[in-house]
């Protein structure tokens, strides 16, 4: 009798505790759940974020896990040259193909936050380039030139959704700067993808 009772309890418990998260209105699978790799196992969390150090933080500010990384995340690191020039992934790929990189420095955790503030949330990669003679322009000046009359300052700019503090960030002149303007917030979100 002990075995059938155990099986019955297991079936009831697994159906009530291991439910898939579904939207009560549409009855569709919840797509806001994020998956994280923690050590050698996967962990799921609803409305969680991961900081640059790999700490998973839930919507209440509690630490869920440490030393993790998101699975299939859109959070891309930012690339900068040593001369404080913001580089797109496409441009970095070109530099790599042309073998124009002397060295690469990956800033993690507190070191990245100390130097770049909120921009370091997804990681920062610093490239020491062999040839640094390309023409650059300050991002603030570029946006003010493209969108005249708005009087844009660094406070109105986001880079991949993150807030920069340094108004001396430059951008290669020949590269197109892609951004999305949010009229409600009066912000320009620069995309480096």
Protein backbone atom coordinates (compact mmCIF):
# COMPACT_ATOMS: atom_id res chain seq x y z
CA UNK A 1 0.00 0.00 0.00
CA UNK A 2 2.95 2.27 0.61
CA UNK A 3 4.05 2.28 -3.06
CA UNK A 4 0.62 3.20 -4.60
CA UNK A 5 0.19 6.00 -2.02
CA UNK A 6 3.65 7.37 -2.82
CA UNK A 7 2.93 7.27 -6.57
CA UNK A 8 -0.42 9.05 -6.06
CA UNK A 9 1.25 11.75 -3.93
CA UNK A 10 4.01 12.18 -6.53
CA UNK A 11 1.49 12.63 -9.34
CA UNK A 12 -0.60 15.16 -7.41
CA UNK A 13 2.45 17.10 -6.16
CA UNK A 14 4.17 17.20 -9.55
CA UNK A 15 1.04 18.44 -11.33
CA UNK A 16 0.48 21.27 -8.87
CA UNK A 17 4.08 22.29 -8.11
CA UNK A 18 5.68 21.88 -11.52
CA UNK A 19 3.17 23.76 -13.61
CA UNK A 20 4.27 25.66 -16.64
CA UNK A 21 3.78 29.37 -16.23
CA UNK A 22 0.82 30.42 -18.40
CA UNK A 23 -0.84 33.73 -18.99
CA UNK A 24 -4.32 33.53 -17.43
CA UNK A 25 -5.92 35.60 -20.20
CA UNK A 26 -4.43 34.08 -23.34
CA UNK A 27 -3.51 30.64 -21.97
CA UNK A 28 -0.18 30.96 -23.79
CA UNK A 29 3.23 30.05 -22.45
CA UNK A 30 4.93 32.83 -20.48
CA UNK A 31 7.76 34.24 -22.60
CA UNK A 32 9.13 36.61 -19.95
CA UNK A 33 10.82 33.77 -18.07
CA UNK A 34 14.60 33.92 -18.51
CA UNK A 35 17.02 31.02 -18.35
CA UNK A 36 20.44 31.25 -16.71
CA UNK A 37 23.40 28.92 -16.58
CA UNK A 38 24.62 28.59 -12.98
CA UNK A 39 27.58 26.25 -12.70
CA UNK A 40 26.55 23.12 -14.58
CA UNK A 41 22.76 23.56 -14.25
CA UNK A 42 20.04 25.80 -15.65
CA UNK A 43 17.95 28.08 -13.48
CA UNK A 44 14.81 29.96 -14.51
CA UNK A 45 13.68 33.25 -13.11
CA UNK A 46 10.81 35.59 -13.87
CA UNK A 47 11.71 39.30 -14.15
CA UNK A 48 15.35 38.80 -13.18
CA UNK A 49 18.44 40.67 -14.28
CA UNK A 50 22.11 39.73 -14.26
CA UNK A 51 24.80 42.25 -13.41
CA UNK A 52 28.29 42.27 -14.93
CA UNK A 53 29.57 40.00 -12.14
CA UNK A 54 27.02 37.28 -12.97
CA UNK A 55 24.78 37.89 -9.95
CA UNK A 56 21.11 37.13 -10.71
CA UNK A 57 18.84 39.66 -9.01
CA UNK A 58 15.05 39.24 -8.91
CA UNK A 59 12.51 42.06 -9.20
CA UNK A 60 12.54 42.53 -5.41
CA UNK A 61 16.30 43.13 -5.35
CA UNK A 62 17.16 39.74 -3.81
CA UNK A 63 20.19 37.78 -5.00
CA UNK A 64 19.01 34.52 -6.59
CA UNK A 65 22.38 33.10 -7.66
CA UNK A 66 25.99 34.09 -8.25
CA UNK A 67 28.45 33.30 -11.03
CA UNK A 68 25.86 32.86 -13.73
CA UNK A 69 25.23 34.01 -17.23
CA UNK A 70 22.04 34.44 -19.24
CA UNK A 71 21.22 31.88 -21.92
CA UNK A 72 20.24 33.40 -25.31
CA UNK A 73 20.58 36.91 -23.97
CA UNK A 74 20.49 40.09 -26.04
CA UNK A 75 22.80 41.80 -23.56
CA UNK A 76 25.91 42.48 -25.60
CA UNK A 77 29.12 43.94 -24.23
CA UNK A 78 30.31 47.36 -25.32
CA UNK A 79 33.51 47.68 -27.31
CA UNK A 80 35.79 50.70 -26.86
CA UNK A 81 39.22 51.55 -28.18
CA UNK A 82 41.82 52.79 -25.70
CA UNK A 83 41.11 56.26 -27.13
CA UNK A 84 37.50 56.10 -25.78
CA UNK A 85 35.96 55.42 -29.19
CA UNK A 86 32.73 53.39 -29.09
CA UNK A 87 32.92 50.54 -31.64
CA UNK A 88 30.11 48.45 -33.11
CA UNK A 89 30.31 44.67 -33.28
CA UNK A 90 30.49 44.96 -37.08
CA UNK A 91 33.43 47.35 -36.89
CA UNK A 92 35.25 45.13 -34.37
CA UNK A 93 34.80 42.22 -36.74
CA UNK A 94 36.42 44.27 -39.53
CA UNK A 95 39.31 45.21 -37.25
CA UNK A 96 39.80 41.55 -36.36
CA UNK A 97 39.78 40.49 -40.02
CA UNK A 98 42.35 43.19 -40.86
CA UNK A 99 44.45 42.13 -37.85
CA UNK A 100 44.44 45.70 -36.52
CA UNK A 101 44.18 44.74 -32.84
CA UNK A 102 47.26 44.71 -30.58
CA UNK A 103 45.55 43.52 -27.42
CA UNK A 104 42.14 42.98 -25.82
CA UNK A 105 41.20 43.78 -22.23
CA UNK A 106 37.94 42.48 -20.75
CA UNK A 107 36.68 44.51 -17.81
CA UNK A 108 34.62 42.55 -15.35
CA UNK A 109 32.68 43.30 -12.19
CA UNK A 110 33.82 46.23 -10.09
CA UNK A 111 36.70 47.22 -12.37
CA UNK A 112 34.27 47.80 -15.25
CA UNK A 113 31.77 49.61 -13.04
CA UNK A 114 34.45 51.89 -11.59
CA UNK A 115 35.58 53.00 -15.05
CA UNK A 116 32.32 52.98 -17.02
CA UNK A 117 29.51 53.12 -14.45
CA UNK A 118 26.19 51.79 -15.77
CA UNK A 119 27.65 51.15 -19.22
CA UNK A 120 29.54 48.18 -17.75
CA UNK A 121 26.37 46.24 -16.87
CA UNK A 122 26.77 43.96 -19.90
CA UNK A 123 30.57 44.01 -19.91
CA UNK A 124 33.16 46.24 -21.53
CA UNK A 125 35.88 45.13 -23.91
CA UNK A 126 38.78 47.52 -24.51
CA UNK A 127 40.74 47.12 -27.75
CA UNK A 128 44.27 48.45 -28.17
CA UNK A 129 44.43 49.16 -31.91
CA UNK A 130 47.54 49.17 -34.12
CA UNK A 131 46.20 52.00 -36.29
CA UNK A 132 44.31 54.78 -34.48
CA UNK A 133 44.41 57.40 -37.22
CA UNK A 134 40.74 57.15 -38.19
CA UNK A 135 38.55 60.26 -37.86
CA UNK A 136 36.22 60.40 -34.86
CA UNK A 137 33.52 62.67 -33.50
CA UNK A 138 31.99 63.02 -30.03
CA UNK A 139 28.65 61.19 -29.83
CA UNK A 140 26.90 64.25 -28.38
CA UNK A 141 28.16 66.41 -31.27
CA UNK A 142 27.12 63.77 -33.82
CA UNK A 143 23.54 63.57 -32.57
CA UNK A 144 23.27 67.37 -32.30
CA UNK A 145 24.45 67.60 -35.93
CA UNK A 146 22.00 64.95 -37.15
CA UNK A 147 19.05 66.24 -35.08
CA UNK A 148 19.52 70.03 -34.95
CA UNK A 149 17.51 72.16 -32.56
CA UNK A 150 17.17 69.52 -29.82
CA UNK A 151 20.21 70.65 -27.78
CA UNK A 152 21.14 67.07 -26.81
CA UNK A 153 23.43 66.41 -23.86
CA UNK A 154 24.85 63.16 -22.48
CA UNK A 155 21.79 62.98 -20.18
CA UNK A 156 19.61 62.35 -23.27
CA UNK A 157 21.73 59.48 -24.58
CA UNK A 158 21.62 55.74 -23.90
CA UNK A 159 23.97 53.15 -25.38
CA UNK A 160 22.24 49.79 -25.80
CA UNK A 161 19.76 50.97 -23.17
CA UNK A 162 22.49 51.88 -20.66
CA UNK A 163 23.23 55.36 -19.32
CA UNK A 164 26.70 56.79 -20.07
CA UNK A 165 28.22 59.37 -17.76
CA UNK A 166 31.21 60.39 -19.89
CA UNK A 167 30.38 63.05 -22.48
CA UNK A 168 33.77 62.52 -24.17
CA UNK A 169 32.81 59.20 -25.81
CA UNK A 170 33.69 59.30 -29.51
CA UNK A 171 32.48 57.41 -32.54
CA UNK A 172 34.17 56.67 -35.90
CA UNK A 173 32.97 59.29 -38.41
CA UNK A 174 32.50 56.90 -41.33
CA UNK A 175 30.43 54.39 -39.34
CA UNK A 176 26.67 54.91 -39.31
CA UNK A 177 25.36 55.55 -35.83
CA UNK A 178 22.05 53.75 -35.39
CA UNK A 179 19.76 55.07 -32.69
CA UNK A 180 16.12 55.04 -31.65
CA UNK A 181 14.49 58.24 -30.41
CA UNK A 182 11.98 58.04 -27.55
CA UNK A 183 9.95 61.27 -27.70
CA UNK A 184 8.24 60.59 -24.36
CA UNK A 185 11.56 60.30 -22.48
CA UNK A 186 13.49 62.57 -24.90
CA UNK A 187 16.28 59.99 -25.17
CA UNK A 188 18.37 58.65 -28.04
CA UNK A 189 19.22 54.96 -27.60
CA UNK A 190 22.35 54.15 -29.63
CA UNK A 191 22.52 50.57 -30.92
CA UNK A 192 25.97 48.97 -31.33
CA UNK A 193 24.79 45.65 -32.78
